[in-house]
All heavy atoms as atom14 arrays in JSON, in Angstrom:
{
  "sequence": "LAESGGGLVPGGGSLRLSCAASGSIFSINAMGWYRQAPGKQRELVAV",
  "atom14_mask": [
    [1, 1, 1, 1, 1, 1, 1, 1, 0, 0, 0, 0, 0, 0],
    [1, 1, 1, 1, 1, 0, 0, 0, 0, 0, 0, 0, 0, 0],
    [1, 1, 1, 1, 1, 1, 1, 1, 1, 0, 0, 0, 0, 0],
    [1, 1, 1, 1, 1, 1, 0, 0, 0, 0, 0, 0, 0, 0],
    [1, 1, 1, 1, 0, 0, 0, 0, 0, 0, 0, 0, 0, 0],
    [1, 1, 1, 1, 0, 0, 0, 0, 0, 0, 0, 0, 0, 0],
    [1, 1, 1, 1, 0, 0, 0, 0, 0, 0, 0, 0, 0, 0],
    [1, 1, 1, 1, 1, 1, 1, 1, 0, 0, 0, 0, 0, 0],
    [1, 1, 1, 1, 1, 1, 1, 0, 0, 0, 0, 0, 0, 0],
    [1, 1, 1, 1, 1, 1, 1, 0, 0, 0, 0, 0, 0, 0],
    [1, 1, 1, 1, 0, 0, 0, 0, 0, 0, 0, 0, 0, 0],
    [1, 1, 1, 1, 0, 0, 0, 0, 0, 0, 0, 0, 0, 0],
    [1, 1, 1, 1, 0, 0, 0, 0, 0, 0, 0, 0, 0, 0],
    [1, 1, 1, 1, 1, 1, 0, 0, 0, 0, 0, 0, 0, 0],
    [1, 1, 1, 1, 1, 1, 1, 1, 0, 0, 0, 0, 0, 0],
    [1, 1, 1, 1, 1, 1, 1, 1, 1, 1, 1, 0, 0, 0],
    [1, 1, 1, 1, 1, 1, 1, 1, 0, 0, 0, 0, 0, 0],
    [1, 1, 1, 1, 1, 1, 0, 0, 0, 0, 0, 0, 0, 0],
    [1, 1, 1, 1, 1, 1, 0, 0, 0, 0, 0, 0, 0, 0],
    [1, 1, 1, 1, 1, 0, 0, 0, 0, 0, 0, 0, 0, 0],
    [1, 1, 1, 1, 1, 0, 0, 0, 0, 0, 0, 0, 0, 0],
    [1, 1, 1, 1, 1, 1, 0, 0, 0, 0, 0, 0, 0, 0],
    [1, 1, 1, 1, 0, 0, 0, 0, 0, 0, 0, 0, 0, 0],
    [1, 1, 1, 1, 1, 1, 0, 0, 0, 0, 0, 0, 0, 0],
    [1, 1, 1, 1, 1, 1, 1, 1, 0, 0, 0, 0, 0, 0],
    [1, 1, 1, 1, 1, 1, 1, 1, 1, 1, 1, 0, 0, 0],
    [1, 1, 1, 1, 1, 1, 0, 0, 0, 0, 0, 0, 0, 0],
    [1, 1, 1, 1, 1, 1, 1, 1, 0, 0, 0, 0, 0, 0],
    [1, 1, 1, 1, 1, 1, 1, 1, 0, 0, 0, 0, 0, 0],
    [1, 1, 1, 1, 1, 0, 0, 0, 0, 0, 0, 0, 0, 0],
    [1, 1, 1, 1, 1, 1, 1, 1, 0, 0, 0, 0, 0, 0],
    [1, 1, 1, 1, 0, 0, 0, 0, 0, 0, 0, 0, 0, 0],
    [1, 1, 1, 1, 1, 1, 1, 1, 1, 1, 1, 1, 1, 1],
    [1, 1, 1, 1, 1, 1, 1, 1, 1, 1, 1, 1, 0, 0],
    [1, 1, 1, 1, 1, 1, 1, 1, 1, 1, 1, 0, 0, 0],
    [1, 1, 1, 1, 1, 1, 1, 1, 1, 0, 0, 0, 0, 0],
    [1, 1, 1, 1, 1, 0, 0, 0, 0, 0, 0, 0, 0, 0],
    [1, 1, 1, 1, 1, 1, 1, 0, 0, 0, 0, 0, 0, 0],
    [1, 1, 1, 1, 0, 0, 0, 0, 0, 0, 0, 0, 0, 0],
    [1, 1, 1, 1, 1, 1, 1, 1, 1, 0, 0, 0, 0, 0],
    [1, 1, 1, 1, 1, 1, 1, 1, 1, 0, 0, 0, 0, 0],
    [1, 1, 1, 1, 1, 1, 1, 1, 1, 1, 1, 0, 0, 0],
    [1, 1, 1, 1, 1, 1, 1, 1, 1, 0, 0, 0, 0, 0],
    [1, 1, 1, 1, 1, 1, 1, 1, 0, 0, 0, 0, 0, 0],
    [1, 1, 1, 1, 1, 1, 1, 0, 0, 0, 0, 0, 0, 0],
    [1, 1, 1, 1, 1, 0, 0, 0, 0, 0, 0, 0, 0, 0],
    [1, 1, 1, 1, 1, 1, 1, 0, 0, 0, 0, 0, 0, 0]
  ],
  "atom14_positions": [
    [[88.36, -66.48, 108.48], [89.52, -66.02, 109.03], [89.17, -65.55, 110.45], [88.41, -64.62, 110.57], [90.14, -64.88, 108.1], [90.58, -65.17, 106.74], [91.05, -63.9, 106.11], [91.53, -66.3, 106.67], [0.0, 0.0, 0.0], [0.0, 0.0, 0.0], [0.0, 0.0, 0.0], [0.0, 0.0, 0.0], [0.0, 0.0, 0.0], [0.0, 0.0, 0.0]],
    [[89.93, -66.23, 111.39], [89.67, -65.82, 112.76], [90.91, -64.96, 113.29], [92.0, -65.48, 113.39], [89.43, -67.1, 113.47], [0.0, 0.0, 0.0], [0.0, 0.0, 0.0], [0.0, 0.0, 0.0], [0.0, 0.0, 0.0], [0.0, 0.0, 0.0], [0.0, 0.0, 0.0], [0.0, 0.0, 0.0], [0.0, 0.0, 0.0], [0.0, 0.0, 0.0]],
    [[90.55, -63.77, 113.67], [91.59, -62.96, 114.22], [91.58, -62.8, 115.6], [90.53, -62.87, 116.31], [91.48, -61.59, 113.5], [91.55, -61.59, 112.05], [90.78, -60.38, 111.34], [89.63, -59.96, 111.93], [91.3, -59.84, 110.46], [0.0, 0.0, 0.0], [0.0, 0.0, 0.0], [0.0, 0.0, 0.0], [0.0, 0.0, 0.0], [0.0, 0.0, 0.0]],
    [[92.84, -62.56, 116.17], [92.9, -62.36, 117.58], [94.25, -61.57, 117.95], [94.98, -61.5, 117.12], [92.92, -63.67, 118.39], [94.04, -64.39, 118.08], [0.0, 0.0, 0.0], [0.0, 0.0, 0.0], [0.0, 0.0, 0.0], [0.0, 0.0, 0.0], [0.0, 0.0, 0.0], [0.0, 0.0, 0.0], [0.0, 0.0, 0.0], [0.0, 0.0, 0.0]],
    [[94.22, -61.04, 119.12], [95.43, -60.44, 119.68], [95.34, -58.98, 119.73], [96.39, -58.36, 120.25], [0.0, 0.0, 0.0], [0.0, 0.0, 0.0], [0.0, 0.0, 0.0], [0.0, 0.0, 0.0], [0.0, 0.0, 0.0], [0.0, 0.0, 0.0], [0.0, 0.0, 0.0], [0.0, 0.0, 0.0], [0.0, 0.0, 0.0], [0.0, 0.0, 0.0]],
    [[94.39, -58.31, 119.31], [94.21, -56.81, 119.41], [93.98, -56.47, 120.89], [93.84, -57.31, 121.76], [0.0, 0.0, 0.0], [0.0, 0.0, 0.0], [0.0, 0.0, 0.0], [0.0, 0.0, 0.0], [0.0, 0.0, 0.0], [0.0, 0.0, 0.0], [0.0, 0.0, 0.0], [0.0, 0.0, 0.0], [0.0, 0.0, 0.0], [0.0, 0.0, 0.0]],
    [[94.24, -55.17, 121.06], [93.98, -54.66, 122.39], [94.49, -53.16, 122.58], [94.85, -52.61, 121.56], [0.0, 0.0, 0.0], [0.0, 0.0, 0.0], [0.0, 0.0, 0.0], [0.0, 0.0, 0.0], [0.0, 0.0, 0.0], [0.0, 0.0, 0.0], [0.0, 0.0, 0.0], [0.0, 0.0, 0.0], [0.0, 0.0, 0.0], [0.0, 0.0, 0.0]],
    [[94.65, -52.83, 123.76], [95.21, -51.46, 124.21], [96.57, -51.64, 124.68], [96.88, -52.46, 125.63], [94.25, -50.82, 125.17], [94.53, -49.3, 125.37], [93.25, -48.57, 125.87], [95.52, -49.05, 126.47], [0.0, 0.0, 0.0], [0.0, 0.0, 0.0], [0.0, 0.0, 0.0], [0.0, 0.0, 0.0], [0.0, 0.0, 0.0], [0.0, 0.0, 0.0]],
    [[97.59, -50.84, 124.16], [98.91, -51.05, 124.62], [99.48, -49.7, 124.7], [99.18, -48.72, 123.86], [99.7, -51.87, 123.62], [99.74, -51.31, 122.25], [101.07, -52.16, 124.24], [0.0, 0.0, 0.0], [0.0, 0.0, 0.0], [0.0, 0.0, 0.0], [0.0, 0.0, 0.0], [0.0, 0.0, 0.0], [0.0, 0.0, 0.0], [0.0, 0.0, 0.0]],
    [[100.43, -49.36, 125.7], [101.02, -48.1, 125.75], [102.06, -47.91, 124.54], [102.41, -48.9, 123.89], [101.81, -48.11, 127.0], [101.21, -49.2, 127.81], [100.71, -50.21, 126.84], [0.0, 0.0, 0.0], [0.0, 0.0, 0.0], [0.0, 0.0, 0.0], [0.0, 0.0, 0.0], [0.0, 0.0, 0.0], [0.0, 0.0, 0.0], [0.0, 0.0, 0.0]],
    [[102.31, -46.67, 124.18], [103.33, -46.34, 123.16], [104.59, -47.07, 123.54], [105.02, -47.08, 124.66], [0.0, 0.0, 0.0], [0.0, 0.0, 0.0], [0.0, 0.0, 0.0], [0.0, 0.0, 0.0], [0.0, 0.0, 0.0], [0.0, 0.0, 0.0], [0.0, 0.0, 0.0], [0.0, 0.0, 0.0], [0.0, 0.0, 0.0], [0.0, 0.0, 0.0]],
    [[105.32, -47.63, 122.5], [106.49, -48.45, 122.78], [106.27, -49.83, 123.15], [107.31, -50.62, 123.16], [0.0, 0.0, 0.0], [0.0, 0.0, 0.0], [0.0, 0.0, 0.0], [0.0, 0.0, 0.0], [0.0, 0.0, 0.0], [0.0, 0.0, 0.0], [0.0, 0.0, 0.0], [0.0, 0.0, 0.0], [0.0, 0.0, 0.0], [0.0, 0.0, 0.0]],
    [[105.1, -50.17, 123.36], [104.78, -51.55, 123.74], [104.62, -52.45, 122.44], [104.95, -52.08, 121.39], [0.0, 0.0, 0.0], [0.0, 0.0, 0.0], [0.0, 0.0, 0.0], [0.0, 0.0, 0.0], [0.0, 0.0, 0.0], [0.0, 0.0, 0.0], [0.0, 0.0, 0.0], [0.0, 0.0, 0.0], [0.0, 0.0, 0.0], [0.0, 0.0, 0.0]],
    [[104.27, -53.73, 122.78], [104.19, -54.83, 121.64], [102.75, -55.51, 121.77], [102.2, -55.6, 122.89], [105.28, -55.78, 121.91], [106.57, -55.11, 121.68], [0.0, 0.0, 0.0], [0.0, 0.0, 0.0], [0.0, 0.0, 0.0], [0.0, 0.0, 0.0], [0.0, 0.0, 0.0], [0.0, 0.0, 0.0], [0.0, 0.0, 0.0], [0.0, 0.0, 0.0]],
    [[102.43, -55.93, 120.55], [101.19, -56.83, 120.41], [101.63, -57.88, 119.45], [102.35, -57.64, 118.42], [100.05, -56.07, 120.12], [99.25, -55.21, 121.16], [98.12, -54.47, 120.55], [98.63, -56.11, 122.22], [0.0, 0.0, 0.0], [0.0, 0.0, 0.0], [0.0, 0.0, 0.0], [0.0, 0.0, 0.0], [0.0, 0.0, 0.0], [0.0, 0.0, 0.0]],
    [[100.94, -59.06, 119.53], [101.07, -60.0, 118.48], [99.6, -60.37, 117.96], [98.82, -60.92, 118.83], [101.81, -61.32, 118.97], [102.14, -62.27, 117.93], [102.53, -63.51, 118.57], [103.19, -64.47, 117.55], [103.23, -65.81, 117.74], [102.69, -66.43, 118.83], [103.84, -66.51, 116.64], [0.0, 0.0, 0.0], [0.0, 0.0, 0.0], [0.0, 0.0, 0.0]],
    [[99.33, -60.14, 116.8], [98.14, -60.53, 116.18], [98.22, -61.86, 115.49], [99.33, -62.25, 114.95], [97.78, -59.48, 115.03], [97.7, -58.11, 115.42], [97.08, -57.25, 114.32], [96.74, -57.88, 116.74], [0.0, 0.0, 0.0], [0.0, 0.0, 0.0], [0.0, 0.0, 0.0], [0.0, 0.0, 0.0], [0.0, 0.0, 0.0], [0.0, 0.0, 0.0]],
    [[97.15, -62.59, 115.51], [97.06, -64.02, 114.98], [95.79, -63.98, 113.94], [94.91, -63.44, 114.28], [96.97, -64.94, 115.95], [98.17, -65.11, 116.76], [0.0, 0.0, 0.0], [0.0, 0.0, 0.0], [0.0, 0.0, 0.0], [0.0, 0.0, 0.0], [0.0, 0.0, 0.0], [0.0, 0.0, 0.0], [0.0, 0.0, 0.0], [0.0, 0.0, 0.0]],
    [[95.98, -64.8, 112.93], [94.91, -64.97, 111.97], [95.02, -66.45, 111.63], [95.76, -66.77, 110.96], [95.03, -63.98, 110.84], [93.65, -64.32, 109.54], [0.0, 0.0, 0.0], [0.0, 0.0, 0.0], [0.0, 0.0, 0.0], [0.0, 0.0, 0.0], [0.0, 0.0, 0.0], [0.0, 0.0, 0.0], [0.0, 0.0, 0.0], [0.0, 0.0, 0.0]],
    [[93.87, -67.18, 111.78], [93.76, -68.58, 111.48], [92.78, -68.78, 110.36], [91.6, -68.28, 110.5], [93.5, -69.45, 112.58], [0.0, 0.0, 0.0], [0.0, 0.0, 0.0], [0.0, 0.0, 0.0], [0.0, 0.0, 0.0], [0.0, 0.0, 0.0], [0.0, 0.0, 0.0], [0.0, 0.0, 0.0], [0.0, 0.0, 0.0], [0.0, 0.0, 0.0]],
    [[93.2, -69.38, 109.3], [92.32, -69.61, 108.14], [91.85, -71.05, 108.25], [92.52, -72.0, 108.62], [92.91, -69.35, 106.78], [0.0, 0.0, 0.0], [0.0, 0.0, 0.0], [0.0, 0.0, 0.0], [0.0, 0.0, 0.0], [0.0, 0.0, 0.0], [0.0, 0.0, 0.0], [0.0, 0.0, 0.0], [0.0, 0.0, 0.0], [0.0, 0.0, 0.0]],
    [[90.54, -71.23, 107.89], [89.75, -72.5, 107.93], [88.8, -72.58, 106.81], [88.41, -71.58, 106.32], [89.28, -72.8, 109.29], [88.16, -71.9, 109.58], [0.0, 0.0, 0.0], [0.0, 0.0, 0.0], [0.0, 0.0, 0.0], [0.0, 0.0, 0.0], [0.0, 0.0, 0.0], [0.0, 0.0, 0.0], [0.0, 0.0, 0.0], [0.0, 0.0, 0.0]],
    [[88.47, -73.78, 106.45], [87.57, -73.94, 105.31], [88.1, -74.92, 104.19], [89.03, -75.62, 104.44], [0.0, 0.0, 0.0], [0.0, 0.0, 0.0], [0.0, 0.0, 0.0], [0.0, 0.0, 0.0], [0.0, 0.0, 0.0], [0.0, 0.0, 0.0], [0.0, 0.0, 0.0], [0.0, 0.0, 0.0], [0.0, 0.0, 0.0], [0.0, 0.0, 0.0]],
    [[87.5, -74.71, 103.06], [87.84, -75.6, 101.89], [88.92, -75.04, 101.14], [88.82, -74.65, 100.08], [86.54, -75.88, 101.04], [85.42, -76.39, 101.7], [0.0, 0.0, 0.0], [0.0, 0.0, 0.0], [0.0, 0.0, 0.0], [0.0, 0.0, 0.0], [0.0, 0.0, 0.0], [0.0, 0.0, 0.0], [0.0, 0.0, 0.0], [0.0, 0.0, 0.0]],
    [[90.12, -75.18, 101.87], [91.3, -74.47, 101.31], [92.23, -75.71, 100.72], [92.53, -76.61, 101.3], [92.03, -73.82, 102.44], [91.21, -72.65, 102.93], [93.41, -73.21, 101.91], [91.72, -72.08, 104.29], [0.0, 0.0, 0.0], [0.0, 0.0, 0.0], [0.0, 0.0, 0.0], [0.0, 0.0, 0.0], [0.0, 0.0, 0.0], [0.0, 0.0, 0.0]],
    [[92.56, -75.31, 99.49], [93.64, -76.25, 98.81], [95.03, -75.58, 99.05], [95.97, -76.39, 99.5], [93.39, -76.12, 97.25], [94.4, -76.99, 96.6], [94.49, -78.37, 96.66], [95.4, -76.4, 95.79], [95.53, -79.15, 95.87], [96.39, -77.04, 95.07], [96.5, -78.37, 95.24], [0.0, 0.0, 0.0], [0.0, 0.0, 0.0], [0.0, 0.0, 0.0]],
    [[95.09, -74.31, 98.91], [96.4, -73.61, 99.29], [96.07, -72.22, 99.44], [95.17, -71.68, 99.0], [97.51, -73.88, 98.04], [96.96, -73.19, 96.89], [0.0, 0.0, 0.0], [0.0, 0.0, 0.0], [0.0, 0.0, 0.0], [0.0, 0.0, 0.0], [0.0, 0.0, 0.0], [0.0, 0.0, 0.0], [0.0, 0.0, 0.0], [0.0, 0.0, 0.0]],
    [[97.04, -71.55, 100.16], [96.95, -70.21, 100.5], [98.21, -69.59, 99.83], [99.31, -69.87, 100.06], [97.01, -69.86, 101.91], [95.79, -70.56, 102.61], [97.02, -68.31, 102.2], [95.71, -70.34, 104.04], [0.0, 0.0, 0.0], [0.0, 0.0, 0.0], [0.0, 0.0, 0.0], [0.0, 0.0, 0.0], [0.0, 0.0, 0.0], [0.0, 0.0, 0.0]],
    [[98.0, -68.74, 98.81], [99.03, -68.08, 98.09], [99.75, -67.02, 98.96], [100.97, -66.81, 98.88], [98.51, -67.49, 96.71], [98.01, -68.48, 95.79], [98.45, -69.63, 95.92], [97.23, -68.16, 94.84], [0.0, 0.0, 0.0], [0.0, 0.0, 0.0], [0.0, 0.0, 0.0], [0.0, 0.0, 0.0], [0.0, 0.0, 0.0], [0.0, 0.0, 0.0]],
    [[98.89, -66.25, 99.68], [99.47, -65.13, 100.48], [98.44, -64.8, 101.57], [97.37, -65.04, 101.43], [99.68, -63.87, 99.7], [0.0, 0.0, 0.0], [0.0, 0.0, 0.0], [0.0, 0.0, 0.0], [0.0, 0.0, 0.0], [0.0, 0.0, 0.0], [0.0, 0.0, 0.0], [0.0, 0.0, 0.0], [0.0, 0.0, 0.0], [0.0, 0.0, 0.0]],
    [[99.02, -64.4, 102.72], [98.2, -63.84, 103.79], [98.92, -62.49, 104.18], [100.07, -62.32, 104.09], [98.23, -64.86, 104.87], [97.42, -66.24, 104.61], [97.14, -67.21, 106.1], [95.89, -66.19, 107.02], [0.0, 0.0, 0.0], [0.0, 0.0, 0.0], [0.0, 0.0, 0.0], [0.0, 0.0, 0.0], [0.0, 0.0, 0.0], [0.0, 0.0, 0.0]],
    [[98.07, -61.66, 104.78], [98.62, -60.42, 105.23], [97.68, -59.71, 106.16], [96.6, -60.17, 106.42], [0.0, 0.0, 0.0], [0.0, 0.0, 0.0], [0.0, 0.0, 0.0], [0.0, 0.0, 0.0], [0.0, 0.0, 0.0], [0.0, 0.0, 0.0], [0.0, 0.0, 0.0], [0.0, 0.0, 0.0], [0.0, 0.0, 0.0], [0.0, 0.0, 0.0]],
    [[98.19, -58.52, 106.52], [97.46, -57.68, 107.45], [97.27, -56.22, 106.84], [98.24, -55.67, 106.21], [98.19, -57.56, 108.71], [98.2, -58.65, 109.53], [99.08, -59.72, 109.47], [97.19, -59.18, 110.37], [98.85, -60.77, 110.41], [97.54, -60.54, 110.94], [95.96, -58.72, 110.83], [96.77, -61.2, 111.89], [95.22, -59.38, 111.73], [95.65, -60.6, 112.28]],
    [[96.19, -55.76, 106.83], [95.77, -54.37, 106.47], [95.25, -53.61, 107.7], [94.81, -54.32, 108.67], [94.82, -54.31, 105.31], [95.24, -54.87, 104.08], [95.55, -56.27, 103.86], [95.53, -54.07, 102.9], [96.02, -56.75, 102.66], [95.93, -54.57, 101.72], [96.19, -55.94, 101.63], [96.69, -56.41, 100.47], [0.0, 0.0, 0.0], [0.0, 0.0, 0.0]],
    [[95.2, -52.32, 107.64], [94.66, -51.57, 108.68], [93.83, -50.38, 108.23], [94.17, -49.86, 107.21], [95.76, -51.21, 109.79], [96.77, -50.22, 109.21], [97.76, -49.93, 110.25], [98.8, -48.9, 109.8], [99.85, -48.57, 110.41], [100.21, -49.32, 111.62], [100.79, -47.74, 109.92], [0.0, 0.0, 0.0], [0.0, 0.0, 0.0], [0.0, 0.0, 0.0]],
    [[93.01, -49.86, 109.13], [92.18, -48.76, 108.66], [91.99, -48.0, 109.93], [91.23, -48.48, 110.87], [90.81, -49.21, 108.04], [90.07, -48.08, 107.48], [88.96, -48.46, 106.66], [88.5, -49.65, 106.72], [88.51, -47.53, 105.76], [0.0, 0.0, 0.0], [0.0, 0.0, 0.0], [0.0, 0.0, 0.0], [0.0, 0.0, 0.0], [0.0, 0.0, 0.0]],
    [[92.35, -46.82, 109.94], [92.27, -45.91, 111.01], [91.03, -44.99, 110.76], [90.5, -44.83, 109.63], [93.43, -44.9, 111.18], [0.0, 0.0, 0.0], [0.0, 0.0, 0.0], [0.0, 0.0, 0.0], [0.0, 0.0, 0.0], [0.0, 0.0, 0.0], [0.0, 0.0, 0.0], [0.0, 0.0, 0.0], [0.0, 0.0, 0.0], [0.0, 0.0, 0.0]],
    [[90.39, -44.47, 111.8], [89.24, -43.6, 111.56], [89.45, -42.41, 110.59], [90.47, -41.85, 110.68], [88.89, -43.07, 112.96], [89.5, -44.1, 113.87], [90.63, -44.57, 113.22], [0.0, 0.0, 0.0], [0.0, 0.0, 0.0], [0.0, 0.0, 0.0], [0.0, 0.0, 0.0], [0.0, 0.0, 0.0], [0.0, 0.0, 0.0], [0.0, 0.0, 0.0]],
    [[88.62, -42.35, 109.6], [88.87, -41.3, 108.61], [89.87, -41.5, 107.56], [90.05, -40.68, 106.74], [0.0, 0.0, 0.0], [0.0, 0.0, 0.0], [0.0, 0.0, 0.0], [0.0, 0.0, 0.0], [0.0, 0.0, 0.0], [0.0, 0.0, 0.0], [0.0, 0.0, 0.0], [0.0, 0.0, 0.0], [0.0, 0.0, 0.0], [0.0, 0.0, 0.0]],
    [[90.5, -42.81, 107.62], [91.57, -43.0, 106.67], [91.14, -44.19, 105.81], [90.25, -44.94, 106.16], [92.89, -43.34, 107.45], [93.35, -42.22, 108.34], [93.83, -41.17, 107.54], [94.39, -40.0, 108.53], [95.6, -40.46, 109.31], [0.0, 0.0, 0.0], [0.0, 0.0, 0.0], [0.0, 0.0, 0.0], [0.0, 0.0, 0.0], [0.0, 0.0, 0.0]],
    [[91.85, -44.37, 104.71], [91.7, -45.45, 103.84], [92.42, -46.66, 104.35], [93.37, -46.63, 105.12], [92.26, -45.1, 102.43], [91.46, -44.04, 101.72], [92.05, -43.84, 100.21], [93.21, -43.91, 100.07], [91.08, -43.63, 99.4], [0.0, 0.0, 0.0], [0.0, 0.0, 0.0], [0.0, 0.0, 0.0], [0.0, 0.0, 0.0], [0.0, 0.0, 0.0]],
    [[91.87, -47.87, 104.0], [92.55, -49.2, 104.49], [94.0, -49.22, 103.69], [93.99, -48.87, 102.49], [91.68, -50.3, 104.03], [92.22, -51.69, 104.51], [91.28, -52.79, 104.42], [90.04, -52.48, 105.0], [89.07, -53.45, 105.11], [89.17, -54.71, 104.43], [88.01, -53.18, 105.73], [0.0, 0.0, 0.0], [0.0, 0.0, 0.0], [0.0, 0.0, 0.0]],
    [[94.83, -49.63, 104.4], [96.2, -49.6, 103.87], [96.91, -50.93, 104.06], [96.64, -51.57, 105.21], [97.07, -48.52, 104.4], [97.46, -48.59, 105.89], [98.38, -47.43, 106.32], [98.88, -46.68, 105.48], [98.52, -47.24, 107.56], [0.0, 0.0, 0.0], [0.0, 0.0, 0.0], [0.0, 0.0, 0.0], [0.0, 0.0, 0.0], [0.0, 0.0, 0.0]],
    [[97.8, -51.35, 103.39], [98.59, -52.54, 103.48], [99.61, -52.33, 104.67], [100.33, -51.32, 104.72], [99.32, -52.96, 102.16], [100.34, -54.07, 102.37], [99.72, -55.41, 102.48], [101.34, -54.15, 101.19], [0.0, 0.0, 0.0], [0.0, 0.0, 0.0], [0.0, 0.0, 0.0], [0.0, 0.0, 0.0], [0.0, 0.0, 0.0], [0.0, 0.0, 0.0]],
    [[99.74, -53.36, 105.46], [100.58, -53.33, 106.57], [101.8, -54.32, 106.21], [102.94, -53.78, 106.27], [100.0, -53.75, 107.93], [101.13, -53.67, 109.03], [98.84, -52.68, 108.31], [0.0, 0.0, 0.0], [0.0, 0.0, 0.0], [0.0, 0.0, 0.0], [0.0, 0.0, 0.0], [0.0, 0.0, 0.0], [0.0, 0.0, 0.0], [0.0, 0.0, 0.0]],
    [[101.53, -55.54, 106.15], [102.37, -56.51, 105.69], [101.84, -57.66, 104.96], [100.64, -58.1, 105.29], [103.17, -57.02, 107.07], [0.0, 0.0, 0.0], [0.0, 0.0, 0.0], [0.0, 0.0, 0.0], [0.0, 0.0, 0.0], [0.0, 0.0, 0.0], [0.0, 0.0, 0.0], [0.0, 0.0, 0.0], [0.0, 0.0, 0.0], [0.0, 0.0, 0.0]],
    [[102.64, -58.44, 104.11], [102.09, -59.46, 103.39], [103.24, -60.65, 103.37], [104.44, -60.18, 103.34], [101.7, -59.11, 102.06], [101.43, -60.44, 101.19], [100.53, -58.35, 101.94], [0.0, 0.0, 0.0], [0.0, 0.0, 0.0], [0.0, 0.0, 0.0], [0.0, 0.0, 0.0], [0.0, 0.0, 0.0], [0.0, 0.0, 0.0], [0.0, 0.0, 0.0]]
  ]
}
């Protein structure tokens, strides 16, 4: 999984993250994004 699009943005701004899957894939049932802040547990963002 190759991720891109992160960066620094002011509050109120926008970013677009991308994730490209490659390999011996027959099908992808689901893809999603999780995030982890310092000192926090990893949490689901969107699926």
